[in-house]
């Protein structure tokens, strides 16, 4: 289960790099493909917020119930909620732009920068503080119990899985044909 979460982080980091590059292009006055940016945020909403983060929450609740105090989960849950709010706000701005509503470039740049930084800080926190505790403390039987609890929330990654899902086909093609420019 932890390997899956780390694998997801690798994919999310790749998408955040693309968002950063798009943000840099915007700042430099260059044109960007807003559909790609929207698709990345939509992926984050549909997969990270509805499968990846809930899995982390389930594992965190299990860990706390067995090894720690409830207050230690507060930061993780608060970050997941903050990420959800940030992606909702960014998606609203992107939808305005894609519907030809004039939005100041500075607003989008600020939202993108904030979103990327929030995501990166969150993953760094998990990888440096949360995941190592889980890895060190939880036994194979704990991971088995957590896996069965997570089965309900597990979905195939709609972008990076080999399942052939067409939901993010345009973004998948973009990733295959570009070096994140």
N, C-alpha and C. Protein backbone atom coordinates (compact mmCIF):
# COMPACT_ATOMS: atom_id res chain seq x y z
N UNK A 1 0.82 -1.19 0.00
CA UNK A 1 0.00 0.00 0.00
C UNK A 1 0.87 1.27 0.00
N UNK A 2 1.92 1.25 0.81
CA UNK A 2 2.82 2.40 0.86
C UNK A 2 3.53 2.60 -0.48
N UNK A 3 3.88 1.51 -1.13
CA UNK A 3 4.51 1.60 -2.44
C UNK A 3 3.57 2.26 -3.45
N UNK A 4 2.29 1.94 -3.35
CA UNK A 4 1.32 2.55 -4.25
C UNK A 4 1.24 4.06 -4.01
N UNK A 5 1.22 4.47 -2.74
CA UNK A 5 1.17 5.89 -2.42
C UNK A 5 2.40 6.62 -2.94
N UNK A 6 3.56 6.00 -2.78
CA UNK A 6 4.80 6.61 -3.29
C UNK A 6 4.78 6.69 -4.82
N UNK A 7 4.24 5.67 -5.45
CA UNK A 7 4.12 5.65 -6.90
C UNK A 7 3.21 6.80 -7.36
N UNK A 8 2.10 6.98 -6.65
CA UNK A 8 1.21 8.11 -6.95
C UNK A 8 1.95 9.43 -6.80
N UNK A 9 2.75 9.57 -5.76
CA UNK A 9 3.50 10.81 -5.54
C UNK A 9 4.43 11.10 -6.72
N UNK A 10 5.04 10.06 -7.26
CA UNK A 10 5.92 10.24 -8.41
C UNK A 10 5.14 10.81 -9.60
N UNK A 11 3.95 10.30 -9.83
CA UNK A 11 3.12 10.79 -10.92
C UNK A 11 2.64 12.21 -10.65
N UNK A 12 2.22 12.47 -9.42
CA UNK A 12 1.75 13.80 -9.06
C UNK A 12 2.89 14.81 -9.23
N UNK A 13 4.10 14.45 -8.82
CA UNK A 13 5.25 15.34 -8.97
C UNK A 13 5.48 15.70 -10.44
N UNK A 14 5.32 14.74 -11.32
CA UNK A 14 5.47 15.00 -12.75
C UNK A 14 4.45 16.03 -13.22
N UNK A 15 3.21 15.88 -12.77
CA UNK A 15 2.16 16.82 -13.16
C UNK A 15 2.40 18.21 -12.55
N UNK A 16 2.90 18.25 -11.33
CA UNK A 16 3.21 19.54 -10.70
C UNK A 16 4.34 20.26 -11.44
N UNK A 17 5.28 19.49 -11.96
CA UNK A 17 6.35 20.09 -12.77
C UNK A 17 5.77 20.75 -14.01
N UNK A 18 4.82 20.10 -14.63
CA UNK A 18 4.17 20.67 -15.80
C UNK A 18 3.42 21.95 -15.42
N UNK A 19 2.69 21.90 -14.30
CA UNK A 19 1.97 23.11 -13.86
C UNK A 19 2.95 24.25 -13.58
N UNK A 20 4.08 23.94 -12.97
CA UNK A 20 5.09 24.98 -12.70
C UNK A 20 5.62 25.57 -14.00
N UNK A 21 5.87 24.72 -14.96
CA UNK A 21 6.37 25.21 -16.26
C UNK A 21 5.32 26.07 -16.95
N UNK A 22 4.07 25.67 -16.87
CA UNK A 22 3.00 26.47 -17.46
C UNK A 22 2.91 27.82 -16.76
N UNK A 23 3.05 27.81 -15.45
CA UNK A 23 3.02 29.04 -14.67
C UNK A 23 4.17 29.96 -15.07
N UNK A 24 5.35 29.39 -15.24
CA UNK A 24 6.51 30.18 -15.68
C UNK A 24 6.28 30.80 -17.05
N UNK A 25 5.66 30.04 -17.95
CA UNK A 25 5.36 30.57 -19.28
C UNK A 25 4.36 31.72 -19.18
N UNK A 26 3.34 31.56 -18.35
CA UNK A 26 2.37 32.63 -18.16
C UNK A 26 3.06 33.89 -17.64
N UNK A 27 3.92 33.72 -16.65
CA UNK A 27 4.64 34.84 -16.05
C UNK A 27 5.50 35.55 -17.09
N UNK A 28 6.05 34.78 -18.02
CA UNK A 28 6.89 35.36 -19.08
C UNK A 28 6.06 35.93 -20.23
N UNK A 29 4.74 35.86 -20.12
CA UNK A 29 3.87 36.41 -21.15
C UNK A 29 3.61 35.48 -22.33
N UNK A 30 3.99 34.22 -22.18
CA UNK A 30 3.77 33.25 -23.25
C UNK A 30 2.39 32.62 -23.14
N UNK A 31 1.92 32.10 -24.26
CA UNK A 31 0.63 31.40 -24.30
C UNK A 31 0.81 29.98 -23.76
N UNK A 32 -0.22 29.47 -23.12
CA UNK A 32 -0.21 28.09 -22.65
C UNK A 32 -1.48 27.39 -23.08
N UNK A 33 -1.48 26.09 -23.00
CA UNK A 33 -2.67 25.30 -23.28
C UNK A 33 -3.45 25.17 -21.97
N UNK A 34 -4.49 25.95 -21.83
CA UNK A 34 -5.29 25.94 -20.60
C UNK A 34 -6.01 24.61 -20.40
N UNK A 35 -6.31 23.93 -21.50
CA UNK A 35 -6.97 22.63 -21.37
C UNK A 35 -6.08 21.63 -20.64
N UNK A 36 -4.78 21.66 -20.91
CA UNK A 36 -3.85 20.76 -20.23
C UNK A 36 -3.83 21.07 -18.73
N UNK A 37 -3.78 22.35 -18.41
CA UNK A 37 -3.77 22.74 -17.00
C UNK A 37 -5.06 22.28 -16.32
N UNK A 38 -6.19 22.52 -16.98
CA UNK A 38 -7.48 22.09 -16.43
C UNK A 38 -7.52 20.57 -16.26
N UNK A 39 -7.02 19.84 -17.25
CA UNK A 39 -7.03 18.38 -17.16
C UNK A 39 -6.18 17.88 -15.99
N UNK A 40 -5.06 18.54 -15.74
CA UNK A 40 -4.21 18.14 -14.61
C UNK A 40 -4.95 18.38 -13.30
N UNK A 41 -5.57 19.54 -13.16
CA UNK A 41 -6.31 19.84 -11.93
C UNK A 41 -7.50 18.89 -11.80
N UNK A 42 -8.16 18.60 -12.90
CA UNK A 42 -9.29 17.66 -12.86
C UNK A 42 -8.82 16.26 -12.44
N UNK A 43 -7.67 15.84 -12.94
CA UNK A 43 -7.09 14.57 -12.51
C UNK A 43 -6.83 14.58 -11.01
N UNK A 44 -6.24 15.67 -10.53
CA UNK A 44 -5.95 15.77 -9.10
C UNK A 44 -7.24 15.69 -8.29
N UNK A 45 -8.29 16.31 -8.78
CA UNK A 45 -9.57 16.25 -8.07
C UNK A 45 -10.18 14.85 -8.13
N UNK A 46 -10.16 14.24 -9.29
CA UNK A 46 -10.87 12.96 -9.44
C UNK A 46 -10.09 11.78 -8.89
N UNK A 47 -8.77 11.85 -8.93
CA UNK A 47 -7.99 10.71 -8.43
C UNK A 47 -7.35 11.00 -7.07
N UNK A 48 -6.54 12.03 -6.99
CA UNK A 48 -5.81 12.30 -5.74
C UNK A 48 -6.78 12.57 -4.59
N UNK A 49 -7.79 13.39 -4.85
CA UNK A 49 -8.70 13.77 -3.77
C UNK A 49 -9.75 12.71 -3.45
N UNK A 50 -10.03 11.82 -4.39
CA UNK A 50 -11.10 10.84 -4.16
C UNK A 50 -10.61 9.41 -4.01
N UNK A 51 -9.32 9.19 -4.16
CA UNK A 51 -8.78 7.86 -3.93
C UNK A 51 -7.49 7.93 -3.13
N UNK A 52 -6.50 8.66 -3.63
CA UNK A 52 -5.19 8.72 -2.98
C UNK A 52 -5.28 9.27 -1.56
N UNK A 53 -5.84 10.44 -1.39
CA UNK A 53 -5.93 11.03 -0.05
C UNK A 53 -6.81 10.22 0.89
N UNK A 54 -7.96 9.72 0.44
CA UNK A 54 -8.74 8.87 1.35
C UNK A 54 -7.98 7.62 1.81
N UNK A 55 -7.14 7.05 0.94
CA UNK A 55 -6.32 5.91 1.36
C UNK A 55 -5.37 6.34 2.47
N UNK A 56 -4.75 7.48 2.29
CA UNK A 56 -3.84 7.99 3.33
C UNK A 56 -4.60 8.23 4.62
N UNK A 57 -5.82 8.75 4.51
CA UNK A 57 -6.63 9.00 5.70
C UNK A 57 -6.98 7.71 6.43
N UNK A 58 -7.32 6.67 5.68
CA UNK A 58 -7.64 5.37 6.28
C UNK A 58 -6.43 4.82 7.01
N UNK A 59 -5.28 4.87 6.35
CA UNK A 59 -4.05 4.37 6.97
C UNK A 59 -3.72 5.19 8.22
N UNK A 60 -3.88 6.50 8.12
CA UNK A 60 -3.60 7.38 9.25
C UNK A 60 -4.52 7.06 10.44
N UNK A 61 -5.80 6.87 10.17
CA UNK A 61 -6.74 6.53 11.24
C UNK A 61 -6.36 5.20 11.88
N UNK A 62 -5.99 4.23 11.06
CA UNK A 62 -5.57 2.93 11.59
C UNK A 62 -4.33 3.10 12.46
N UNK A 63 -3.36 3.82 11.94
CA UNK A 63 -2.11 4.03 12.66
C UNK A 63 -2.37 4.70 14.01
N UNK A 64 -3.17 5.73 14.00
CA UNK A 64 -3.46 6.47 15.23
C UNK A 64 -4.20 5.58 16.23
N UNK A 65 -5.15 4.80 15.74
CA UNK A 65 -5.90 3.95 16.65
C UNK A 65 -5.02 2.90 17.33
N UNK A 66 -3.94 2.56 16.68
CA UNK A 66 -3.08 1.51 17.21
C UNK A 66 -1.81 2.03 17.89
N UNK A 67 -1.25 3.14 17.40
CA UNK A 67 0.07 3.56 17.85
C UNK A 67 0.20 4.98 18.39
N UNK A 68 -0.78 5.85 18.18
CA UNK A 68 -0.53 7.26 18.43
C UNK A 68 -1.77 7.95 18.99
N UNK A 69 -1.65 9.25 19.20
CA UNK A 69 -2.77 10.05 19.67
C UNK A 69 -3.50 10.67 18.47
N UNK A 70 -4.79 10.90 18.62
CA UNK A 70 -5.57 11.46 17.50
C UNK A 70 -5.07 12.80 16.99
N UNK A 71 -4.45 13.61 17.82
CA UNK A 71 -4.02 14.93 17.38
C UNK A 71 -2.96 14.86 16.28
N UNK A 72 -2.25 13.75 16.18
CA UNK A 72 -1.21 13.65 15.15
C UNK A 72 -1.77 13.54 13.74
N UNK A 73 -3.04 13.22 13.60
CA UNK A 73 -3.65 13.13 12.27
C UNK A 73 -4.24 14.45 11.81
N UNK A 74 -4.37 15.39 12.73
CA UNK A 74 -5.02 16.65 12.40
C UNK A 74 -4.35 17.37 11.25
N UNK A 75 -3.02 17.42 11.23
CA UNK A 75 -2.31 18.13 10.18
C UNK A 75 -2.54 17.47 8.82
N UNK A 76 -2.46 16.16 8.76
CA UNK A 76 -2.67 15.44 7.50
C UNK A 76 -4.07 15.71 6.96
N UNK A 77 -5.08 15.58 7.80
CA UNK A 77 -6.46 15.83 7.37
C UNK A 77 -6.66 17.29 6.96
N UNK A 78 -6.07 18.21 7.70
CA UNK A 78 -6.18 19.63 7.37
C UNK A 78 -5.53 19.92 6.03
N UNK A 79 -4.39 19.31 5.76
CA UNK A 79 -3.73 19.52 4.47
C UNK A 79 -4.57 18.95 3.33
N UNK A 80 -5.16 17.78 3.52
CA UNK A 80 -6.01 17.21 2.48
C UNK A 80 -7.19 18.13 2.19
N UNK A 81 -7.76 18.71 3.22
CA UNK A 81 -8.88 19.64 3.03
C UNK A 81 -8.41 20.92 2.33
N UNK A 82 -7.27 21.45 2.72
CA UNK A 82 -6.73 22.66 2.09
C UNK A 82 -6.43 22.41 0.61
N UNK A 83 -5.91 21.24 0.29
CA UNK A 83 -5.63 20.90 -1.11
C UNK A 83 -6.92 20.84 -1.92
N UNK A 84 -7.96 20.29 -1.33
CA UNK A 84 -9.25 20.21 -2.00
C UNK A 84 -9.81 21.60 -2.28
N UNK A 85 -9.73 22.48 -1.30
CA UNK A 85 -10.20 23.86 -1.49
C UNK A 85 -9.38 24.57 -2.56
N UNK A 86 -8.08 24.38 -2.54
CA UNK A 86 -7.20 25.03 -3.52
C UNK A 86 -7.50 24.55 -4.93
N UNK A 87 -7.72 23.25 -5.10
CA UNK A 87 -8.01 22.74 -6.44
C UNK A 87 -9.38 23.21 -6.92
N UNK A 88 -10.34 23.32 -6.02
CA UNK A 88 -11.67 23.81 -6.39
C UNK A 88 -11.59 25.26 -6.86
N UNK A 89 -10.84 26.07 -6.14
CA UNK A 89 -10.67 27.47 -6.52
C UNK A 89 -9.94 27.60 -7.86
N UNK A 90 -8.87 26.84 -8.02
CA UNK A 90 -8.11 26.88 -9.27
C UNK A 90 -8.97 26.40 -10.44
N UNK A 91 -9.74 25.35 -10.23
CA UNK A 91 -10.61 24.85 -11.30
C UNK A 91 -11.66 25.90 -11.68
N UNK A 92 -12.20 26.60 -10.71
CA UNK A 92 -13.18 27.65 -11.01
C UNK A 92 -12.55 28.73 -11.88
N UNK A 93 -11.34 29.14 -11.55
CA UNK A 93 -10.64 30.15 -12.34
C UNK A 93 -10.37 29.64 -13.75
N UNK A 94 -9.91 28.41 -13.86
CA UNK A 94 -9.64 27.83 -15.19
C UNK A 94 -10.92 27.74 -16.02
N UNK A 95 -12.01 27.36 -15.41
CA UNK A 95 -13.27 27.27 -16.15
C UNK A 95 -13.73 28.64 -16.63
N UNK A 96 -13.51 29.67 -15.83
CA UNK A 96 -13.82 31.03 -16.29
C UNK A 96 -13.01 31.36 -17.53
N UNK A 97 -11.72 31.10 -17.47
CA UNK A 97 -10.83 31.40 -18.60
C UNK A 97 -11.26 30.61 -19.84
N UNK A 98 -11.55 29.34 -19.66
CA UNK A 98 -11.94 28.50 -20.80
C UNK A 98 -13.32 28.87 -21.34
N UNK A 99 -14.09 29.61 -20.56
CA UNK A 99 -15.39 30.11 -21.03
C UNK A 99 -15.30 31.57 -21.46
N UNK A 100 -14.06 32.00 -21.77
CA UNK A 100 -13.78 33.33 -22.31
C UNK A 100 -14.14 34.47 -21.37
N UNK A 101 -14.12 34.21 -20.07
CA UNK A 101 -14.28 35.28 -19.10
C UNK A 101 -12.88 35.82 -18.80
N UNK A 102 -12.74 37.13 -18.80
CA UNK A 102 -11.44 37.74 -18.57
C UNK A 102 -11.07 37.59 -17.09
N UNK A 103 -9.93 36.96 -16.87
CA UNK A 103 -9.38 36.78 -15.53
C UNK A 103 -7.97 37.35 -15.57
N UNK A 104 -7.62 38.20 -14.62
CA UNK A 104 -6.26 38.74 -14.63
C UNK A 104 -5.22 37.63 -14.59
N UNK A 105 -4.23 37.76 -15.47
CA UNK A 105 -3.16 36.77 -15.54
C UNK A 105 -2.51 36.57 -14.17
N UNK A 106 -2.34 37.66 -13.44
CA UNK A 106 -1.70 37.60 -12.13
C UNK A 106 -2.47 36.71 -11.16
N UNK A 107 -3.81 36.72 -11.27
CA UNK A 107 -4.64 35.89 -10.41
C UNK A 107 -4.36 34.41 -10.68
N UNK A 108 -4.34 34.04 -11.96
CA UNK A 108 -4.08 32.65 -12.31
C UNK A 108 -2.67 32.25 -11.90
N UNK A 109 -1.70 33.11 -12.15
CA UNK A 109 -0.32 32.80 -11.78
C UNK A 109 -0.22 32.57 -10.27
N UNK A 110 -0.83 33.45 -9.50
CA UNK A 110 -0.80 33.31 -8.04
C UNK A 110 -1.46 32.01 -7.59
N UNK A 111 -2.62 31.70 -8.16
CA UNK A 111 -3.33 30.47 -7.79
C UNK A 111 -2.51 29.23 -8.18
N UNK A 112 -1.92 29.24 -9.37
CA UNK A 112 -1.10 28.11 -9.80
C UNK A 112 0.12 27.93 -8.89
N UNK A 113 0.81 29.03 -8.63
CA UNK A 113 2.00 28.96 -7.77
C UNK A 113 1.63 28.43 -6.39
N UNK A 114 0.57 28.94 -5.84
CA UNK A 114 0.11 28.53 -4.51
C UNK A 114 -0.28 27.05 -4.50
N UNK A 115 -1.00 26.64 -5.53
CA UNK A 115 -1.45 25.25 -5.62
C UNK A 115 -0.26 24.29 -5.71
N UNK A 116 0.67 24.60 -6.60
CA UNK A 116 1.84 23.74 -6.78
C UNK A 116 2.65 23.67 -5.49
N UNK A 117 2.87 24.82 -4.85
CA UNK A 117 3.64 24.84 -3.61
C UNK A 117 2.95 24.06 -2.50
N UNK A 118 1.64 24.21 -2.40
CA UNK A 118 0.87 23.48 -1.40
C UNK A 118 0.99 21.98 -1.62
N UNK A 119 0.86 21.54 -2.86
CA UNK A 119 0.97 20.12 -3.19
C UNK A 119 2.37 19.60 -2.89
N UNK A 120 3.39 20.35 -3.31
CA UNK A 120 4.77 19.91 -3.09
C UNK A 120 5.09 19.83 -1.60
N UNK A 121 4.69 20.83 -0.84
CA UNK A 121 4.92 20.81 0.61
C UNK A 121 4.21 19.64 1.27
N UNK A 122 3.01 19.35 0.80
CA UNK A 122 2.24 18.25 1.35
C UNK A 122 2.94 16.90 1.10
N UNK A 123 3.38 16.69 -0.12
CA UNK A 123 4.06 15.43 -0.42
C UNK A 123 5.36 15.31 0.34
N UNK A 124 6.08 16.41 0.47
CA UNK A 124 7.33 16.39 1.23
C UNK A 124 7.07 16.04 2.70
N UNK A 125 6.03 16.61 3.27
CA UNK A 125 5.65 16.31 4.65
C UNK A 125 5.34 14.82 4.80
N UNK A 126 4.53 14.30 3.90
CA UNK A 126 4.18 12.88 3.99
C UNK A 126 5.41 11.99 3.83
N UNK A 127 6.24 12.30 2.86
CA UNK A 127 7.40 11.44 2.58
C UNK A 127 8.49 11.55 3.64
N UNK A 128 8.57 12.68 4.33
CA UNK A 128 9.62 12.83 5.35
C UNK A 128 9.13 12.51 6.76
N UNK A 129 7.83 12.67 7.01
CA UNK A 129 7.33 12.48 8.38
C UNK A 129 6.33 11.35 8.53
N UNK A 130 5.35 11.28 7.67
CA UNK A 130 4.26 10.33 7.83
C UNK A 130 4.65 8.93 7.36
N UNK A 131 5.06 8.82 6.10
CA UNK A 131 5.36 7.50 5.54
C UNK A 131 6.45 6.76 6.32
N UNK A 132 7.55 7.44 6.71
CA UNK A 132 8.57 6.71 7.48
C UNK A 132 8.04 6.14 8.81
N UNK A 133 7.16 6.87 9.48
CA UNK A 133 6.56 6.36 10.72
C UNK A 133 5.73 5.11 10.44
N UNK A 134 4.95 5.18 9.39
CA UNK A 134 4.12 4.03 9.04
C UNK A 134 5.00 2.83 8.70
N UNK A 135 6.02 3.07 7.88
CA UNK A 135 6.91 2.00 7.45
C UNK A 135 7.60 1.35 8.65
N UNK A 136 8.06 2.16 9.57
CA UNK A 136 8.82 1.67 10.72
C UNK A 136 7.94 0.93 11.73
N UNK A 137 6.73 1.41 11.93
CA UNK A 137 5.90 0.94 13.03
C UNK A 137 4.94 -0.18 12.64
N UNK A 138 4.39 -0.12 11.44
CA UNK A 138 3.33 -1.06 11.08
C UNK A 138 3.91 -2.39 10.59
N UNK A 139 3.30 -3.47 11.07
CA UNK A 139 3.72 -4.83 10.70
C UNK A 139 3.03 -5.27 9.41
N UNK A 140 3.44 -6.40 8.89
CA UNK A 140 2.79 -6.97 7.71
C UNK A 140 1.31 -7.20 7.96
N UNK A 141 0.96 -7.67 9.16
CA UNK A 141 -0.46 -7.91 9.46
C UNK A 141 -1.22 -6.57 9.54
N UNK A 142 -0.56 -5.52 10.02
CA UNK A 142 -1.20 -4.20 10.02
C UNK A 142 -1.48 -3.75 8.59
N UNK A 143 -0.49 -3.93 7.72
CA UNK A 143 -0.68 -3.53 6.32
C UNK A 143 -1.76 -4.37 5.64
N UNK A 144 -1.85 -5.62 6.00
CA UNK A 144 -2.91 -6.47 5.45
C UNK A 144 -4.28 -5.95 5.89
N UNK A 145 -4.40 -5.61 7.16
CA UNK A 145 -5.66 -5.07 7.68
C UNK A 145 -6.01 -3.76 6.99
N UNK A 146 -5.02 -2.90 6.83
CA UNK A 146 -5.24 -1.61 6.18
C UNK A 146 -5.65 -1.83 4.71
N UNK A 147 -4.99 -2.75 4.05
CA UNK A 147 -5.31 -3.02 2.64
C UNK A 147 -6.76 -3.43 2.48
N UNK A 148 -7.24 -4.28 3.36
CA UNK A 148 -8.64 -4.70 3.25
C UNK A 148 -9.58 -3.54 3.55
N UNK A 149 -9.18 -2.65 4.42
CA UNK A 149 -10.00 -1.46 4.72
C UNK A 149 -10.00 -0.50 3.52
N UNK A 150 -8.91 -0.47 2.78
CA UNK A 150 -8.76 0.47 1.66
C UNK A 150 -9.41 -0.03 0.38
N UNK A 151 -9.69 -1.31 0.28
CA UNK A 151 -10.21 -1.87 -0.97
C UNK A 151 -11.41 -1.10 -1.51
N UNK A 152 -12.24 -0.61 -0.63
CA UNK A 152 -13.42 0.12 -1.05
C UNK A 152 -13.07 1.42 -1.77
N UNK A 153 -11.94 2.04 -1.40
CA UNK A 153 -11.55 3.32 -1.99
C UNK A 153 -10.55 3.18 -3.13
N UNK A 154 -10.01 1.98 -3.33
CA UNK A 154 -9.02 1.79 -4.38
C UNK A 154 -9.67 1.87 -5.76
N UNK A 155 -9.10 2.72 -6.58
CA UNK A 155 -9.51 2.76 -7.97
C UNK A 155 -8.23 2.76 -8.81
N UNK A 156 -8.33 2.33 -10.04
CA UNK A 156 -7.19 2.40 -10.94
C UNK A 156 -6.92 3.87 -11.25
N UNK A 157 -5.66 4.20 -11.33
CA UNK A 157 -5.27 5.56 -11.69
C UNK A 157 -5.79 5.83 -13.11
N UNK A 158 -6.68 6.83 -13.28
CA UNK A 158 -7.29 7.05 -14.59
C UNK A 158 -6.34 7.65 -15.63
N UNK A 159 -5.16 8.08 -15.22
CA UNK A 159 -4.21 8.67 -16.15
C UNK A 159 -3.01 7.76 -16.39
N UNK A 160 -2.45 7.20 -15.34
CA UNK A 160 -1.20 6.46 -15.46
C UNK A 160 -1.36 4.95 -15.47
N UNK A 161 -2.55 4.44 -15.19
CA UNK A 161 -2.77 2.98 -15.22
C UNK A 161 -2.82 2.49 -16.65
N UNK A 162 -2.52 1.24 -16.81
CA UNK A 162 -2.53 0.62 -18.14
C UNK A 162 -3.92 0.16 -18.56
N UNK A 163 -4.94 0.55 -17.81
CA UNK A 163 -6.29 0.03 -18.03
C UNK A 163 -6.94 0.55 -19.31
N UNK A 164 -6.38 1.57 -19.91
CA UNK A 164 -6.93 2.08 -21.15
C UNK A 164 -8.11 3.01 -20.97
N UNK A 165 -8.30 3.55 -19.77
CA UNK A 165 -9.39 4.49 -19.53
C UNK A 165 -9.22 5.70 -20.44
N UNK A 166 -10.32 6.21 -20.97
CA UNK A 166 -10.26 7.32 -21.92
C UNK A 166 -10.52 8.67 -21.27
N UNK A 167 -10.78 8.69 -19.98
CA UNK A 167 -11.13 9.92 -19.30
C UNK A 167 -10.10 11.03 -19.51
N UNK A 168 -8.83 10.69 -19.41
CA UNK A 168 -7.76 11.69 -19.55
C UNK A 168 -6.91 11.41 -20.78
N UNK A 169 -7.54 10.98 -21.86
CA UNK A 169 -6.81 10.60 -23.07
C UNK A 169 -6.00 11.78 -23.63
N UNK A 170 -6.59 12.97 -23.66
CA UNK A 170 -5.87 14.14 -24.19
C UNK A 170 -4.64 14.45 -23.34
N UNK A 171 -4.78 14.38 -22.03
CA UNK A 171 -3.65 14.62 -21.14
C UNK A 171 -2.61 13.52 -21.28
N UNK A 172 -3.04 12.28 -21.42
CA UNK A 172 -2.13 11.15 -21.61
C UNK A 172 -1.31 11.35 -22.89
N UNK A 173 -1.97 11.79 -23.95
CA UNK A 173 -1.27 12.05 -25.21
C UNK A 173 -0.29 13.21 -25.05
N UNK A 174 -0.69 14.24 -24.32
CA UNK A 174 0.20 15.37 -24.08
C UNK A 174 1.45 14.91 -23.34
N UNK A 175 1.27 14.10 -22.31
CA UNK A 175 2.41 13.60 -21.54
C UNK A 175 3.33 12.74 -22.40
N UNK A 176 2.76 12.00 -23.33
CA UNK A 176 3.56 11.12 -24.18
C UNK A 176 4.33 11.88 -25.25
N UNK A 177 3.88 13.07 -25.60
CA UNK A 177 4.51 13.79 -26.71
C UNK A 177 5.29 15.01 -26.30
N UNK A 178 5.43 15.25 -25.02
CA UNK A 178 6.12 16.46 -24.58
C UNK A 178 7.09 16.14 -23.46
N UNK A 179 8.04 17.01 -23.31
CA UNK A 179 8.97 16.91 -22.18
C UNK A 179 8.57 17.93 -21.13
N UNK A 180 7.28 18.02 -20.85
CA UNK A 180 6.72 18.91 -19.82
C UNK A 180 6.87 20.38 -20.16
N UNK A 181 6.88 20.72 -21.45
CA UNK A 181 7.03 22.15 -21.80
C UNK A 181 5.75 22.87 -21.70
